Amino acid sequence: MKNYFKLSYTESILLILTFTVLNFFNPIFKKILIYIHLPESMIFSISYTIPFLFLFIFISHLSQKKNKIIDLSFKISPWYVYILLISMMICMIFLNDYIISFVPKEGPLLGNMYKEIESFLKEEAKNPIPFLSTTVLLAPICEEVLFRGIILNGLLKNKIHPIKAILFSSFLFGLSHMNPWQFVGGFFIGSFIGYIYYTTSSIIDCILLHIFNNTFAILTMFFFINYEDFSENRNIHLFLIFIINLLVMTTGGIFLFKSKRNKK
């Protein structure tokens, strides 16, 4: 019987605390990269990736030391599964954006925080190639390997109930973004992607969904698409979104769960 890499709740929290501490050193990483005269266009991408690399090296060392296997599956699902996943993801994105709209963007604390995030994104978007490559490619790969491939997978291998494991790993995923808007989005979208990982056992599926979500978010930012019109007919829009989401998500969720059970 294979000795898989497992995680408890406490160990998962410690991993994210370690990751958070590493991120606080990002300004130092950037200064080092500037000092060695790396192109400015590469600094954002490299400094973003460094904390993940350190954490992955540490986890790999830990698993080898304890002679445990990190069970990452990079299998490709059938084409019709991706049509279903994209349809479900579109529903999740619109519902997620609607839920996030309830988080205040004004006030002495949240207002300033939101302005700082907007300023940061606008500044980084001035260099579109590294910004897009990081947001649309590097972030989905690094985050899915950590939060679904290592943390969620480790919790599931530890015989923690799938619902608890999915919700807990998604909570940590949202928390790692360190602002209320991405916390809500991270928890909500992360729970969906976590369920996909549980049913398909494919980290590739999770990465592709994450890429789709981030690409959609970047396009809305660049083209100034917003959902403030929802407020005019909030109840009608909420009802329509809920019905569409319920039908697609229920159908898709049942199909994926049955597929997983049939494989077993």
C-alpha atoms as a PDB file:
ATOM      1  CA  MET A   1       0.000   0.000   0.000  1.00  0.00           C
ATOM      2  CA  LYS A   2       1.378   3.415  -1.006  1.00  0.00           C
ATOM      3  CA  ASN A   3       2.376   5.834   1.732  1.00  0.00           C
ATOM      4  CA  TYR A   4       0.720   9.053   0.587  1.00  0.00           C
ATOM      5  CA  PHE A   5       1.509  12.575   1.792  1.00  0.00           C
ATOM      6  CA  LYS A   6      -1.205  13.537   4.285  1.00  0.00           C
ATOM      7  CA  LEU A   7      -2.128  16.753   6.054  1.00  0.00           C
ATOM      8  CA  SER A   8      -4.127  17.629   9.150  1.00  0.00           C
ATOM      9  CA  TYR A   9      -5.987  20.904   9.706  1.00  0.00           C
ATOM     10  CA  THR A  10      -3.121  22.232  11.829  1.00  0.00           C
ATOM     11  CA  GLU A  11      -0.451  21.260   9.308  1.00  0.00           C
ATOM     12  CA  SER A  12      -2.447  22.947   6.523  1.00  0.00           C
ATOM     13  CA  ILE A  13      -2.672  26.164   8.544  1.00  0.00           C
ATOM     14  CA  LEU A  14       1.075  26.064   9.250  1.00  0.00           C
ATOM     15  CA  LEU A  15       1.783  25.694   5.527  1.00  0.00           C
ATOM     16  CA  ILE A  16      -0.285  28.788   4.720  1.00  0.00           C
ATOM     17  CA  LEU A  17       1.310  30.746   7.579  1.00  0.00           C
ATOM     18  CA  THR A  18       4.714  29.839   6.141  1.00  0.00           C
ATOM     19  CA  PHE A  19       3.534  30.920   2.694  1.00  0.00           C
ATOM     20  CA  THR A  20       2.232  34.233   4.122  1.00  0.00           C
ATOM     21  CA  VAL A  21       5.556  34.938   5.851  1.00  0.00           C
ATOM     22  CA  LEU A  22       7.430  34.222   2.605  1.00  0.00           C
ATOM     23  CA  ASN A  23       5.185  36.717   0.795  1.00  0.00           C
ATOM     24  CA  PHE A  24       6.173  39.447   3.257  1.00  0.00           C
ATOM     25  CA  PHE A  25       9.712  39.089   1.892  1.00  0.00           C
ATOM     26  CA  ASN A  26       8.520  39.932  -1.631  1.00  0.00           C
ATOM     27  CA  PRO A  27       9.851  43.535  -1.461  1.00  0.00           C
ATOM     28  CA  ILE A  28      13.276  42.113  -0.598  1.00  0.00           C
ATOM     29  CA  PHE A  29      13.064  39.626  -3.467  1.00  0.00           C
ATOM     30  CA  LYS A  30      12.200  42.489  -5.836  1.00  0.00           C
ATOM     31  CA  LYS A  31      15.163  44.582  -4.648  1.00  0.00           C
ATOM     32  CA  ILE A  32      17.498  41.629  -5.185  1.00  0.00           C
ATOM     33  CA  LEU A  33      16.134  41.107  -8.695  1.00  0.00           C
ATOM     34  CA  ILE A  34      16.584  44.818  -9.450  1.00  0.00           C
ATOM     35  CA  TYR A  35      20.118  44.721  -8.020  1.00  0.00           C
ATOM     36  CA  ILE A  36      21.159  41.886 -10.342  1.00  0.00           C
ATOM     37  CA  HIS A  37      19.772  43.926 -13.271  1.00  0.00           C
ATOM     38  CA  LEU A  38      16.966  41.626 -14.334  1.00  0.00           C
ATOM     39  CA  PRO A  39      14.581  43.201 -16.866  1.00  0.00           C
ATOM     40  CA  GLU A  40      11.773  45.085 -15.174  1.00  0.00           C
ATOM     41  CA  SER A  41       9.245  43.106 -17.223  1.00  0.00           C
ATOM     42  CA  MET A  42      10.365  39.868 -15.495  1.00  0.00           C
ATOM     43  CA  ILE A  43      10.511  41.081 -11.901  1.00  0.00           C
ATOM     44  CA  PHE A  44       6.763  40.861 -11.167  1.00  0.00           C
ATOM     45  CA  SER A  45       6.489  37.279 -12.439  1.00  0.00           C
ATOM     46  CA  ILE A  46       9.644  36.030 -10.722  1.00  0.00           C
ATOM     47  CA  SER A  47       8.938  37.709  -7.357  1.00  0.00           C
ATOM     48  CA  TYR A  48       5.408  36.236  -7.397  1.00  0.00           C
ATOM     49  CA  THR A  49       6.745  32.728  -8.043  1.00  0.00           C
ATOM     50  CA  ILE A  50       9.597  32.729  -5.488  1.00  0.00           C
ATOM     51  CA  PRO A  51       7.446  32.126  -2.341  1.00  0.00           C
ATOM     52  CA  PHE A  52       5.722  29.198  -4.068  1.00  0.00           C
ATOM     53  CA  LEU A  53       9.070  27.704  -5.124  1.00  0.00           C
ATOM     54  CA  PHE A  54      10.459  27.904  -1.591  1.00  0.00           C
ATOM     55  CA  LEU A  55       7.301  26.287  -0.206  1.00  0.00           C
ATOM     56  CA  PHE A  56       7.240  23.533  -2.856  1.00  0.00           C
ATOM     57  CA  ILE A  57      10.914  22.735  -2.182  1.00  0.00           C
ATOM     58  CA  PHE A  58      10.180  22.544   1.548  1.00  0.00           C
ATOM     59  CA  ILE A  59       7.141  20.266   1.011  1.00  0.00           C
ATOM     60  CA  SER A  60       9.105  18.063  -1.389  1.00  0.00           C
ATOM     61  CA  HIS A  61      11.945  17.753   1.150  1.00  0.00           C
ATOM     62  CA  LEU A  62       9.457  16.959   3.916  1.00  0.00           C
ATOM     63  CA  SER A  63       7.715  14.256   1.875  1.00  0.00           C
ATOM     64  CA  GLN A  64      11.019  12.639   0.854  1.00  0.00           C
ATOM     65  CA  LYS A  65      12.278  12.726   4.432  1.00  0.00           C
ATOM     66  CA  LYS A  66       9.144  10.900   5.614  1.00  0.00           C
ATOM     67  CA  ASN A  67       9.142   8.674   2.523  1.00  0.00           C
ATOM     68  CA  LYS A  68       5.677   9.850   1.451  1.00  0.00           C
ATOM     69  CA  ILE A  69       4.233  10.256  -2.058  1.00  0.00           C
ATOM     70  CA  ILE A  70       2.514  13.480  -3.167  1.00  0.00           C
ATOM     71  CA  ASP A  71      -0.260  12.087  -5.375  1.00  0.00           C
ATOM     72  CA  LEU A  72      -0.657  14.740  -8.096  1.00  0.00           C
ATOM     73  CA  SER A  73      -2.716  13.581 -11.063  1.00  0.00           C
ATOM     74  CA  PHE A  74      -2.172  15.412 -14.366  1.00  0.00           C
ATOM     75  CA  LYS A  75      -4.649  13.342 -16.367  1.00  0.00           C
ATOM     76  CA  ILE A  76      -6.808  14.931 -19.050  1.00  0.00           C
ATOM     77  CA  SER A  77     -10.577  14.529 -18.791  1.00  0.00           C
ATOM     78  CA  PRO A  78     -12.786  13.708 -21.818  1.00  0.00           C
ATOM     79  CA  TRP A  79     -13.733  16.696 -24.019  1.00  0.00           C
ATOM     80  CA  TYR A  80     -17.398  16.649 -22.984  1.00  0.00           C
ATOM     81  CA  VAL A  81     -16.375  17.045 -19.333  1.00  0.00           C
ATOM     82  CA  TYR A  82     -14.639  20.332 -20.202  1.00  0.00           C
ATOM     83  CA  ILE A  83     -17.773  21.656 -21.908  1.00  0.00           C
ATOM     84  CA  LEU A  84     -19.662  20.883 -18.704  1.00  0.00           C
ATOM     85  CA  LEU A  85     -16.949  22.396 -16.482  1.00  0.00           C
ATOM     86  CA  ILE A  86     -16.777  25.636 -18.476  1.00  0.00           C
ATOM     87  CA  SER A  87     -20.582  25.964 -18.386  1.00  0.00           C
ATOM     88  CA  MET A  88     -20.551  25.475 -14.632  1.00  0.00           C
ATOM     89  CA  MET A  89     -17.647  27.893 -14.231  1.00  0.00           C
ATOM     90  CA  ILE A  90     -19.462  30.655 -16.126  1.00  0.00           C
ATOM     91  CA  CYS A  91     -22.410  30.331 -13.720  1.00  0.00           C
ATOM     92  CA  MET A  92     -20.036  30.428 -10.761  1.00  0.00           C
ATOM     93  CA  ILE A  93     -18.278  33.556 -12.033  1.00  0.00           C
ATOM     94  CA  PHE A  94     -21.480  35.569 -12.403  1.00  0.00           C
ATOM     95  CA  LEU A  95     -22.861  34.436  -9.069  1.00  0.00           C
ATOM     96  CA  ASN A  96     -19.492  35.070  -7.425  1.00  0.00           C
ATOM     97  CA  ASP A  97     -19.330  38.616  -8.818  1.00  0.00           C
ATOM     98  CA  TYR A  98     -22.823  39.274  -7.551  1.00  0.00           C
ATOM     99  CA  ILE A  99     -21.968  38.048  -4.042  1.00  0.00           C
ATOM    100  CA  ILE A 100     -18.758  40.109  -3.970  1.00  0.00           C
ATOM    101  CA  SER A 101     -20.787  43.220  -4.879  1.00  0.00           C
ATOM    102  CA  PHE A 102     -22.210  43.107  -1.335  1.00  0.00           C
ATOM    103  CA  VAL A 103     -18.757  43.574   0.204  1.00  0.00           C
ATOM    104  CA  PRO A 104     -18.364  47.349   0.870  1.00  0.00           C
ATOM    105  CA  LYS A 105     -15.813  49.247  -1.213  1.00  0.00           C
ATOM    106  CA  GLU A 106     -16.073  52.467   0.738  1.00  0.00           C
ATOM    107  CA  GLY A 107     -15.229  53.634   4.234  1.00  0.00           C
ATOM    108  CA  PRO A 108     -12.055  54.567   6.137  1.00  0.00           C
ATOM    109  CA  LEU A 109     -10.641  51.034   6.150  1.00  0.00           C
ATOM    110  CA  LEU A 110     -12.149  49.080   3.255  1.00  0.00           C
ATOM    111  CA  GLY A 111     -12.270  52.139   0.996  1.00  0.00           C
ATOM    112  CA  ASN A 112      -8.540  52.777   1.314  1.00  0.00           C
ATOM    113  CA  MET A 113      -7.745  49.089   0.926  1.00  0.00           C
ATOM    114  CA  TYR A 114      -9.817  48.850  -2.259  1.00  0.00           C
ATOM    115  CA  LYS A 115      -8.132  51.943  -3.718  1.00  0.00           C
ATOM    116  CA  GLU A 116      -4.700  50.480  -2.967  1.00  0.00           C
ATOM    117  CA  ILE A 117      -5.609  47.224  -4.732  1.00  0.00           C
ATOM    118  CA  GLU A 118      -6.942  49.147  -7.741  1.00  0.00           C
ATOM    119  CA  SER A 119      -3.788  51.295  -7.889  1.00  0.00           C
ATOM    120  CA  PHE A 120      -1.575  48.202  -7.651  1.00  0.00           C
ATOM    121  CA  LEU A 121      -3.431  46.435 -10.474  1.00  0.00           C
ATOM    122  CA  LYS A 122      -3.351  49.514 -12.714  1.00  0.00           C
ATOM    123  CA  GLU A 123       0.363  49.963 -12.088  1.00  0.00           C
ATOM    124  CA  GLU A 124       1.203  46.320 -12.816  1.00  0.00           C
ATOM    125  CA  ALA A 125      -1.071  46.292 -15.877  1.00  0.00           C
ATOM    126  CA  LYS A 126       1.196  48.906 -17.477  1.00  0.00           C
ATOM    127  CA  ASN A 127       3.471  45.951 -18.274  1.00  0.00           C
ATOM    128  CA  PRO A 128       0.815  43.694 -19.864  1.00  0.00           C
ATOM    129  CA  ILE A 129       3.010  40.727 -20.827  1.00  0.00           C
ATOM    130  CA  PRO A 130       4.386  39.879 -17.333  1.00  0.00           C
ATOM    131  CA  PHE A 131       1.072  40.889 -15.738  1.00  0.00           C
ATOM    132  CA  LEU A 132      -0.962  38.595 -18.000  1.00  0.00           C
ATOM    133  CA  SER A 133       1.525  35.721 -17.893  1.00  0.00           C
ATOM    134  CA  THR A 134       1.530  35.839 -14.095  1.00  0.00           C
ATOM    135  CA  THR A 135      -2.201  36.336 -13.547  1.00  0.00           C
ATOM    136  CA  VAL A 136      -3.471  34.040 -16.272  1.00  0.00           C
ATOM    137  CA  LEU A 137      -0.800  31.323 -16.233  1.00  0.00           C
ATOM    138  CA  LEU A 138       1.596  31.312 -13.265  1.00  0.00           C
ATOM    139  CA  ALA A 139      -1.009  32.074 -10.588  1.00  0.00           C
ATOM    140  CA  PRO A 140      -3.423  29.282 -11.620  1.00  0.00           C
ATOM    141  CA  ILE A 141      -0.605  26.728 -11.822  1.00  0.00           C
ATOM    142  CA  CYS A 142       1.080  27.658  -8.525  1.00  0.00           C
ATOM    143  CA  GLU A 143      -2.144  28.165  -6.555  1.00  0.00           C
ATOM    144  CA  GLU A 144      -3.851  24.998  -7.780  1.00  0.00           C
ATOM    145  CA  VAL A 145      -0.810  22.831  -7.091  1.00  0.00           C
ATOM    146  CA  LEU A 146      -0.618  24.245  -3.553  1.00  0.00           C
ATOM    147  CA  PHE A 147      -4.273  24.507  -2.518  1.00  0.00           C
ATOM    148  CA  ARG A 148      -5.833  21.619  -4.410  1.00  0.00           C
ATOM    149  CA  GLY A 149      -2.920  19.340  -5.299  1.00  0.00           C
ATOM    150  CA  ILE A 150      -1.163  19.481  -1.923  1.00  0.00           C
ATOM    151  CA  ILE A 151      -3.525  20.839   0.771  1.00  0.00           C
ATOM    152  CA  LEU A 152      -6.920  19.489  -0.370  1.00  0.00           C
ATOM    153  CA  ASN A 153      -5.347  16.263  -1.581  1.00  0.00           C
ATOM    154  CA  GLY A 154      -3.447  15.913   1.698  1.00  0.00           C
ATOM    155  CA  LEU A 155      -6.634  16.404   3.719  1.00  0.00           C
ATOM    156  CA  LEU A 156      -8.527  13.859   1.607  1.00  0.00           C
ATOM    157  CA  LYS A 157      -5.696  11.320   1.937  1.00  0.00           C
ATOM    158  CA  ASN A 158      -5.930  11.867   5.705  1.00  0.00           C
ATOM    159  CA  LYS A 159      -9.525  10.552   5.538  1.00  0.00           C
ATOM    160  CA  ILE A 160     -11.057  13.929   6.321  1.00  0.00           C
ATOM    161  CA  HIS A 161     -14.632  14.163   5.008  1.00  0.00           C
ATOM    162  CA  PRO A 162     -14.612  15.594   1.438  1.00  0.00           C
ATOM    163  CA  ILE A 163     -17.019  18.449   2.264  1.00  0.00           C
ATOM    164  CA  LYS A 164     -14.932  19.511   5.271  1.00  0.00           C
ATOM    165  CA  ALA A 165     -11.692  19.174   3.299  1.00  0.00           C
ATOM    166  CA  ILE A 166     -13.039  21.207   0.352  1.00  0.00           C
ATOM    167  CA  LEU A 167     -14.452  23.988   2.544  1.00  0.00           C
ATOM    168  CA  PHE A 168     -11.373  24.184   4.771  1.00  0.00           C
ATOM    169  CA  SER A 169      -8.878  24.293   1.880  1.00  0.00           C
ATOM    170  CA  SER A 170     -11.057  26.918   0.149  1.00  0.00           C
ATOM    171  CA  PHE A 171     -11.138  28.987   3.339  1.00  0.00           C
ATOM    172  CA  LEU A 172      -7.328  28.952   3.408  1.00  0.00           C
ATOM    173  CA  PHE A 173      -7.263  29.777  -0.304  1.00  0.00           C
ATOM    174  CA  GLY A 174      -9.465  32.830   0.213  1.00  0.00           C
ATOM    175  CA  LEU A 175      -7.544  33.877   3.315  1.00  0.00           C
ATOM    176  CA  SER A 176      -4.219  33.780   1.473  1.00  0.00           C
ATOM    177  CA  HIS A 177      -5.359  36.656  -0.788  1.00  0.00           C
ATOM    178  CA  MET A 178      -5.453  38.938   2.266  1.00  0.00           C
ATOM    179  CA  ASN A 179      -8.356  41.186   1.299  1.00  0.00           C
ATOM    180  CA  PRO A 180     -12.140  40.738   1.831  1.00  0.00           C
ATOM    181  CA  TRP A 181     -13.151  40.782  -1.867  1.00  0.00           C
ATOM    182  CA  GLN A 182     -10.733  38.060  -2.937  1.00  0.00           C
ATOM    183  CA  PHE A 183     -11.392  36.161   0.282  1.00  0.00           C
ATOM    184  CA  VAL A 184     -15.070  35.830  -0.640  1.00  0.00           C
ATOM    185  CA  GLY A 185     -14.228  35.013  -4.256  1.00  0.00           C
ATOM    186  CA  GLY A 186     -11.438  32.643  -3.281  1.00  0.00           C
ATOM    187  CA  PHE A 187     -13.662  30.728  -0.887  1.00  0.00           C
ATOM    188  CA  PHE A 188     -16.602  30.544  -3.285  1.00  0.00           C
ATOM    189  CA  ILE A 189     -14.711  29.728  -6.494  1.00  0.00           C
ATOM    190  CA  GLY A 190     -12.202  27.637  -4.541  1.00  0.00           C
ATOM    191  CA  SER A 191     -14.990  25.443  -3.179  1.00  0.00           C
ATOM    192  CA  PHE A 192     -16.238  24.805  -6.695  1.00  0.00           C
ATOM    193  CA  ILE A 193     -12.769  23.982  -8.033  1.00  0.00           C
ATOM    194  CA  GLY A 194     -12.173  21.836  -4.941  1.00  0.00           C
ATOM    195  CA  TYR A 195     -15.292  19.828  -5.773  1.00  0.00           C
ATOM    196  CA  ILE A 196     -14.031  19.405  -9.327  1.00  0.00           C
ATOM    197  CA  TYR A 197     -10.731  18.103  -7.978  1.00  0.00           C
ATOM    198  CA  TYR A 198     -12.572  15.684  -5.705  1.00  0.00           C
ATOM    199  CA  THR A 199     -14.711  14.311  -8.552  1.00  0.00           C
ATOM    200  CA  THR A 200     -12.145  14.257 -11.393  1.00  0.00           C
ATOM    201  CA  SER A 201      -8.920  13.809  -9.352  1.00  0.00           C
ATOM    202  CA  SER A 202      -7.180  15.956 -11.989  1.00  0.00           C
ATOM    203  CA  ILE A 203      -5.075  18.988 -11.108  1.00  0.00           C
ATOM    204  CA  ILE A 204      -5.106  19.869 -14.837  1.00  0.00           C
ATOM    205  CA  ASP A 205      -8.878  20.402 -14.703  1.00  0.00           C
ATOM    206  CA  CYS A 206      -8.436  22.733 -11.723  1.00  0.00           C
ATOM    207  CA  ILE A 207      -5.673  24.715 -13.437  1.00  0.00           C
ATOM    208  CA  LEU A 208      -7.726  25.127 -16.628  1.00  0.00           C
ATOM    209  CA  LEU A 209     -10.766  26.361 -14.678  1.00  0.00           C
ATOM    210  CA  HIS A 210      -8.584  28.774 -12.715  1.00  0.00           C
ATOM    211  CA  ILE A 211      -7.065  30.066 -15.975  1.00  0.00           C
ATOM    212  CA  PHE A 212     -10.566  30.593 -17.384  1.00  0.00           C
ATOM    213  CA  ASN A 213     -11.675  32.466 -14.249  1.00  0.00           C
ATOM    214  CA  ASN A 214      -8.603  34.742 -14.162  1.00  0.00           C
ATOM    215  CA  THR A 215      -8.791  35.421 -17.908  1.00  0.00           C
ATOM    216  CA  PHE A 216     -12.415  36.476 -17.524  1.00  0.00           C
ATOM    217  CA  ALA A 217     -11.498  38.723 -14.577  1.00  0.00           C
ATOM    218  CA  ILE A 218      -8.641  40.371 -16.505  1.00  0.00           C
ATOM    219  CA  LEU A 219     -10.836  40.980 -19.548  1.00  0.00           C
ATOM    220  CA  THR A 220     -13.483  42.644 -17.391  1.00  0.00           C
ATOM    221  CA  MET A 221     -10.784  44.856 -15.841  1.00  0.00           C
ATOM    222  CA  PHE A 222      -9.245  45.890 -19.174  1.00  0.00           C
ATOM    223  CA  PHE A 223     -12.581  46.560 -20.850  1.00  0.00           C
ATOM    224  CA  PHE A 224     -14.133  48.209 -17.771  1.00  0.00           C
ATOM    225  CA  ILE A 225     -17.006  45.756 -17.576  1.00  0.00           C
ATOM    226  CA  ASN A 226     -18.848  46.008 -14.277  1.00  0.00           C
ATOM    227  CA  TYR A 227     -22.018  44.674 -12.787  1.00  0.00           C
ATOM    228  CA  GLU A 228     -23.362  47.799 -11.105  1.00  0.00           C
ATOM    229  CA  ASP A 229     -26.477  47.602 -13.312  1.00  0.00           C
ATOM    230  CA  PHE A 230     -27.503  44.666 -11.127  1.00  0.00           C
ATOM    231  CA  SER A 231     -28.488  47.082  -8.397  1.00  0.00           C
ATOM    232  CA  GLU A 232     -31.359  48.491 -10.478  1.00  0.00           C
ATOM    233  CA  ASN A 233     -33.188  45.161 -10.692  1.00  0.00           C
ATOM    234  CA  ARG A 234     -31.318  43.267  -8.008  1.00  0.00           C
ATOM    235  CA  ASN A 235     -34.074  40.826  -7.089  1.00  0.00           C
ATOM    236  CA  ILE A 236     -34.870  39.876 -10.698  1.00  0.00           C
ATOM    237  CA  HIS A 237     -31.230  39.360 -11.607  1.00  0.00           C
ATOM    238  CA  LEU A 238     -30.569  37.386  -8.444  1.00  0.00           C
ATOM    239  CA  PHE A 239     -33.529  35.111  -9.128  1.00  0.00           C
ATOM    240  CA  LEU A 240     -32.469  34.472 -12.747  1.00  0.00           C
ATOM    241  CA  ILE A 241     -28.841  33.836 -11.779  1.00  0.00           C
ATOM    242  CA  PHE A 242     -29.910  31.536  -8.970  1.00  0.00           C
ATOM    243  CA  ILE A 243     -32.196  29.463 -11.242  1.00  0.00           C
ATOM    244  CA  ILE A 244     -29.594  29.147 -14.028  1.00  0.00           C
ATOM    245  CA  ASN A 245     -26.847  28.421 -11.545  1.00  0.00           C
ATOM    246  CA  LEU A 246     -28.983  25.855  -9.716  1.00  0.00           C
ATOM    247  CA  LEU A 247     -29.874  23.970 -12.908  1.00  0.00           C
ATOM    248  CA  VAL A 248     -26.376  23.911 -14.380  1.00  0.00           C
ATOM    249  CA  MET A 249     -24.565  23.266 -11.103  1.00  0.00           C
ATOM    250  CA  THR A 250     -26.957  20.563  -9.914  1.00  0.00           C
ATOM    251  CA  THR A 251     -26.907  18.742 -13.252  1.00  0.00           C
ATOM    252  CA  GLY A 252     -23.152  19.047 -13.592  1.00  0.00           C
ATOM    253  CA  GLY A 253     -22.468  18.156  -9.980  1.00  0.00           C
ATOM    254  CA  ILE A 254     -24.617  15.006 -10.109  1.00  0.00           C
ATOM    255  CA  PHE A 255     -23.038  13.940 -13.402  1.00  0.00           C
ATOM    256  CA  LEU A 256     -19.488  14.345 -12.061  1.00  0.00           C
ATOM    257  CA  PHE A 257     -20.313  12.585  -8.779  1.00  0.00           C
ATOM    258  CA  LYS A 258     -21.902   9.644 -10.611  1.00  0.00           C
ATOM    259  CA  SER A 259     -18.894   9.452 -12.932  1.00  0.00           C
ATOM    260  CA  LYS A 260     -16.572   9.291  -9.913  1.00  0.00           C
ATOM    261  CA  ARG A 261     -18.705   6.576  -8.269  1.00  0.00           C
ATOM    262  CA  ASN A 262     -18.861   4.527 -11.489  1.00  0.00           C
ATOM    263  CA  LYS A 263     -15.060   4.650 -11.805  1.00  0.00           C
ATOM    264  CA  LYS A 264     -14.735   3.299  -8.271  1.00  0.00           C
END
